[in-house]
Amino acid sequence: MSDTRSAGDPDLTTYREVQLSPDFSELRRRFRRFVFPMTGLFLVWYFLYVLLAAYAPGFMSHKVGGNINVALLFGLGQFVSTFAITMIYVRWADRRIDPDAERMRHQIEGEPT
């Protein structure tokens, strides 16, 4: 088995050290504090839609205007909320995660920051 790493690549012990470092733990904690609640919120919203469709068809078929009913609005709301969550996450990660992750990458690779 040949070693395919280039001369500039850090060895595996460096990755373990980074994984155990307080900076990486903080970065992971910050990520989880955003992602887990956001995922939970979206799943509640999604399952509410599914449960209402299954158990409250009268409510979901209520006409709002023309051929537009509550179910259609909820369904379109799923798409809107997915895009909104994505945009919120990207903006948040750009400010709160990416700078620290980039700094850690430079430290690992030995590049100037």
C-alpha atoms as a PDB file:
ATOM      1  CA  MET A   1       0.000   0.000   0.000  1.00  0.00           C
ATOM      2  CA  SER A   2       1.509   3.319  -1.016  1.00  0.00           C
ATOM      3  CA  ASP A   3       1.279   6.612   0.799  1.00  0.00           C
ATOM      4  CA  THR A   4      -0.576   9.016  -1.540  1.00  0.00           C
ATOM      5  CA  ARG A   5      -0.363  12.082   0.714  1.00  0.00           C
ATOM      6  CA  SER A   6       1.667  15.005  -0.555  1.00  0.00           C
ATOM      7  CA  ALA A   7       4.501  16.477   1.489  1.00  0.00           C
ATOM      8  CA  GLY A   8       2.363  19.419   2.705  1.00  0.00           C
ATOM      9  CA  ASP A   9      -0.494  17.299   4.070  1.00  0.00           C
ATOM     10  CA  PRO A  10      -0.852  17.150   7.839  1.00  0.00           C
ATOM     11  CA  ASP A  11      -0.719  13.680   9.342  1.00  0.00           C
ATOM     12  CA  LEU A  12      -3.656  11.952  10.999  1.00  0.00           C
ATOM     13  CA  THR A  13      -2.600  12.836  14.549  1.00  0.00           C
ATOM     14  CA  THR A  14      -3.103  16.487  13.662  1.00  0.00           C
ATOM     15  CA  TYR A  15      -6.736  15.783  12.755  1.00  0.00           C
ATOM     16  CA  ARG A  16      -7.302  14.016  16.059  1.00  0.00           C
ATOM     17  CA  GLU A  17      -5.736  16.948  17.913  1.00  0.00           C
ATOM     18  CA  VAL A  18      -8.015  19.360  16.051  1.00  0.00           C
ATOM     19  CA  GLN A  19     -11.058  17.228  16.810  1.00  0.00           C
ATOM     20  CA  LEU A  20     -10.215  17.310  20.521  1.00  0.00           C
ATOM     21  CA  SER A  21      -9.362  21.025  20.578  1.00  0.00           C
ATOM     22  CA  PRO A  22     -11.584  23.526  22.420  1.00  0.00           C
ATOM     23  CA  ASP A  23     -11.881  25.669  19.257  1.00  0.00           C
ATOM     24  CA  PHE A  24     -13.302  22.782  17.242  1.00  0.00           C
ATOM     25  CA  SER A  25     -15.641  21.810  20.093  1.00  0.00           C
ATOM     26  CA  GLU A  26     -16.936  25.386  20.225  1.00  0.00           C
ATOM     27  CA  LEU A  27     -17.428  25.456  16.461  1.00  0.00           C
ATOM     28  CA  ARG A  28     -19.333  22.176  16.568  1.00  0.00           C
ATOM     29  CA  ARG A  29     -21.424  23.365  19.539  1.00  0.00           C
ATOM     30  CA  ARG A  30     -22.341  26.603  17.733  1.00  0.00           C
ATOM     31  CA  PHE A  31     -23.301  24.644  14.606  1.00  0.00           C
ATOM     32  CA  ARG A  32     -25.502  22.230  16.554  1.00  0.00           C
ATOM     33  CA  ARG A  33     -27.207  25.009  18.512  1.00  0.00           C
ATOM     34  CA  PHE A  34     -28.456  26.429  15.229  1.00  0.00           C
ATOM     35  CA  VAL A  35     -29.076  23.330  13.118  1.00  0.00           C
ATOM     36  CA  PHE A  36     -30.885  21.079  15.602  1.00  0.00           C
ATOM     37  CA  PRO A  37     -33.565  23.602  16.647  1.00  0.00           C
ATOM     38  CA  MET A  38     -34.063  24.711  13.033  1.00  0.00           C
ATOM     39  CA  THR A  39     -34.450  21.082  11.940  1.00  0.00           C
ATOM     40  CA  GLY A  40     -36.909  20.425  14.768  1.00  0.00           C
ATOM     41  CA  LEU A  41     -38.945  23.495  13.849  1.00  0.00           C
ATOM     42  CA  PHE A  42     -39.110  22.466  10.210  1.00  0.00           C
ATOM     43  CA  LEU A  43     -40.105  18.886  11.082  1.00  0.00           C
ATOM     44  CA  VAL A  44     -42.915  20.120  13.339  1.00  0.00           C
ATOM     45  CA  TRP A  45     -44.140  22.360  10.514  1.00  0.00           C
ATOM     46  CA  TYR A  46     -43.913  19.490   8.004  1.00  0.00           C
ATOM     47  CA  PHE A  47     -45.670  16.935  10.227  1.00  0.00           C
ATOM     48  CA  LEU A  48     -48.376  19.475  11.052  1.00  0.00           C
ATOM     49  CA  TYR A  49     -49.058  19.717   7.325  1.00  0.00           C
ATOM     50  CA  VAL A  50     -49.131  15.928   6.913  1.00  0.00           C
ATOM     51  CA  LEU A  51     -51.315  15.370   9.980  1.00  0.00           C
ATOM     52  CA  LEU A  52     -53.775  18.069   8.978  1.00  0.00           C
ATOM     53  CA  ALA A  53     -53.985  16.579   5.490  1.00  0.00           C
ATOM     54  CA  ALA A  54     -54.676  13.133   6.955  1.00  0.00           C
ATOM     55  CA  TYR A  55     -56.959  13.997   9.875  1.00  0.00           C
ATOM     56  CA  ALA A  56     -58.555  17.346   9.011  1.00  0.00           C
ATOM     57  CA  PRO A  57     -59.513  17.120   5.353  1.00  0.00           C
ATOM     58  CA  GLY A  58     -62.450  19.476   5.900  1.00  0.00           C
ATOM     59  CA  PHE A  59     -60.127  22.204   7.146  1.00  0.00           C
ATOM     60  CA  MET A  60     -57.527  21.581   4.467  1.00  0.00           C
ATOM     61  CA  SER A  61     -60.133  21.665   1.676  1.00  0.00           C
ATOM     62  CA  HIS A  62     -61.556  24.974   2.883  1.00  0.00           C
ATOM     63  CA  LYS A  63     -61.545  27.398  -0.062  1.00  0.00           C
ATOM     64  CA  VAL A  64     -59.570  30.582   0.487  1.00  0.00           C
ATOM     65  CA  GLY A  65     -60.247  32.117  -2.884  1.00  0.00           C
ATOM     66  CA  GLY A  66     -61.143  30.630  -6.263  1.00  0.00           C
ATOM     67  CA  ASN A  67     -59.574  27.192  -6.507  1.00  0.00           C
ATOM     68  CA  ILE A  68     -57.041  27.989  -3.784  1.00  0.00           C
ATOM     69  CA  ASN A  69     -57.568  26.031  -0.588  1.00  0.00           C
ATOM     70  CA  VAL A  70     -55.750  25.792   2.758  1.00  0.00           C
ATOM     71  CA  ALA A  71     -53.906  22.604   1.731  1.00  0.00           C
ATOM     72  CA  LEU A  72     -52.435  24.323  -1.314  1.00  0.00           C
ATOM     73  CA  LEU A  73     -51.254  27.251   0.811  1.00  0.00           C
ATOM     74  CA  PHE A  74     -49.680  24.869   3.343  1.00  0.00           C
ATOM     75  CA  GLY A  75     -47.989  22.941   0.534  1.00  0.00           C
ATOM     76  CA  LEU A  76     -46.576  26.078  -1.034  1.00  0.00           C
ATOM     77  CA  GLY A  77     -45.557  27.186   2.447  1.00  0.00           C
ATOM     78  CA  GLN A  78     -43.374  24.081   2.678  1.00  0.00           C
ATOM     79  CA  PHE A  79     -41.389  25.229  -0.347  1.00  0.00           C
ATOM     80  CA  VAL A  80     -41.168  28.792   0.912  1.00  0.00           C
ATOM     81  CA  SER A  81     -40.004  27.687   4.356  1.00  0.00           C
ATOM     82  CA  THR A  82     -37.371  25.377   2.853  1.00  0.00           C
ATOM     83  CA  PHE A  83     -35.873  28.212   0.835  1.00  0.00           C
ATOM     84  CA  ALA A  84     -36.136  30.608   3.787  1.00  0.00           C
ATOM     85  CA  ILE A  85     -34.344  28.174   6.113  1.00  0.00           C
ATOM     86  CA  THR A  86     -31.615  27.691   3.519  1.00  0.00           C
ATOM     87  CA  MET A  87     -31.097  31.429   3.118  1.00  0.00           C
ATOM     88  CA  ILE A  88     -31.099  31.981   6.885  1.00  0.00           C
ATOM     89  CA  TYR A  89     -28.559  29.185   7.368  1.00  0.00           C
ATOM     90  CA  VAL A  90     -26.232  30.475   4.641  1.00  0.00           C
ATOM     91  CA  ARG A  91     -26.238  33.998   6.078  1.00  0.00           C
ATOM     92  CA  TRP A  92     -25.729  32.664   9.601  1.00  0.00           C
ATOM     93  CA  ALA A  93     -22.903  30.314   8.572  1.00  0.00           C
ATOM     94  CA  ASP A  94     -21.169  33.075   6.622  1.00  0.00           C
ATOM     95  CA  ARG A  95     -21.046  35.180   9.782  1.00  0.00           C
ATOM     96  CA  ARG A  96     -20.739  32.642  12.609  1.00  0.00           C
ATOM     97  CA  ILE A  97     -19.128  29.452  11.273  1.00  0.00           C
ATOM     98  CA  ASP A  98     -17.098  30.088   8.131  1.00  0.00           C
ATOM     99  CA  PRO A  99     -14.580  32.606   9.534  1.00  0.00           C
ATOM    100  CA  ASP A 100     -13.631  30.329  12.435  1.00  0.00           C
ATOM    101  CA  ALA A 101     -13.590  27.236  10.224  1.00  0.00           C
ATOM    102  CA  GLU A 102     -11.342  29.028   7.740  1.00  0.00           C
ATOM    103  CA  ARG A 103      -8.992  30.105  10.528  1.00  0.00           C
ATOM    104  CA  MET A 104      -8.814  26.516  11.796  1.00  0.00           C
ATOM    105  CA  ARG A 105      -8.105  25.256   8.293  1.00  0.00           C
ATOM    106  CA  HIS A 106      -5.202  27.676   7.954  1.00  0.00           C
ATOM    107  CA  GLN A 107      -3.837  26.551  11.319  1.00  0.00           C
ATOM    108  CA  ILE A 108      -4.059  22.874  10.329  1.00  0.00           C
ATOM    109  CA  GLU A 109      -2.457  23.412   6.946  1.00  0.00           C
ATOM    110  CA  GLY A 110       0.163  25.758   8.345  1.00  0.00           C
ATOM    111  CA  GLU A 111      -0.811  28.645   6.105  1.00  0.00           C
ATOM    112  CA  PRO A 112      -0.730  32.287   7.249  1.00  0.00           C
ATOM    113  CA  THR A 113      -4.156  33.625   8.256  1.00  0.00           C
END
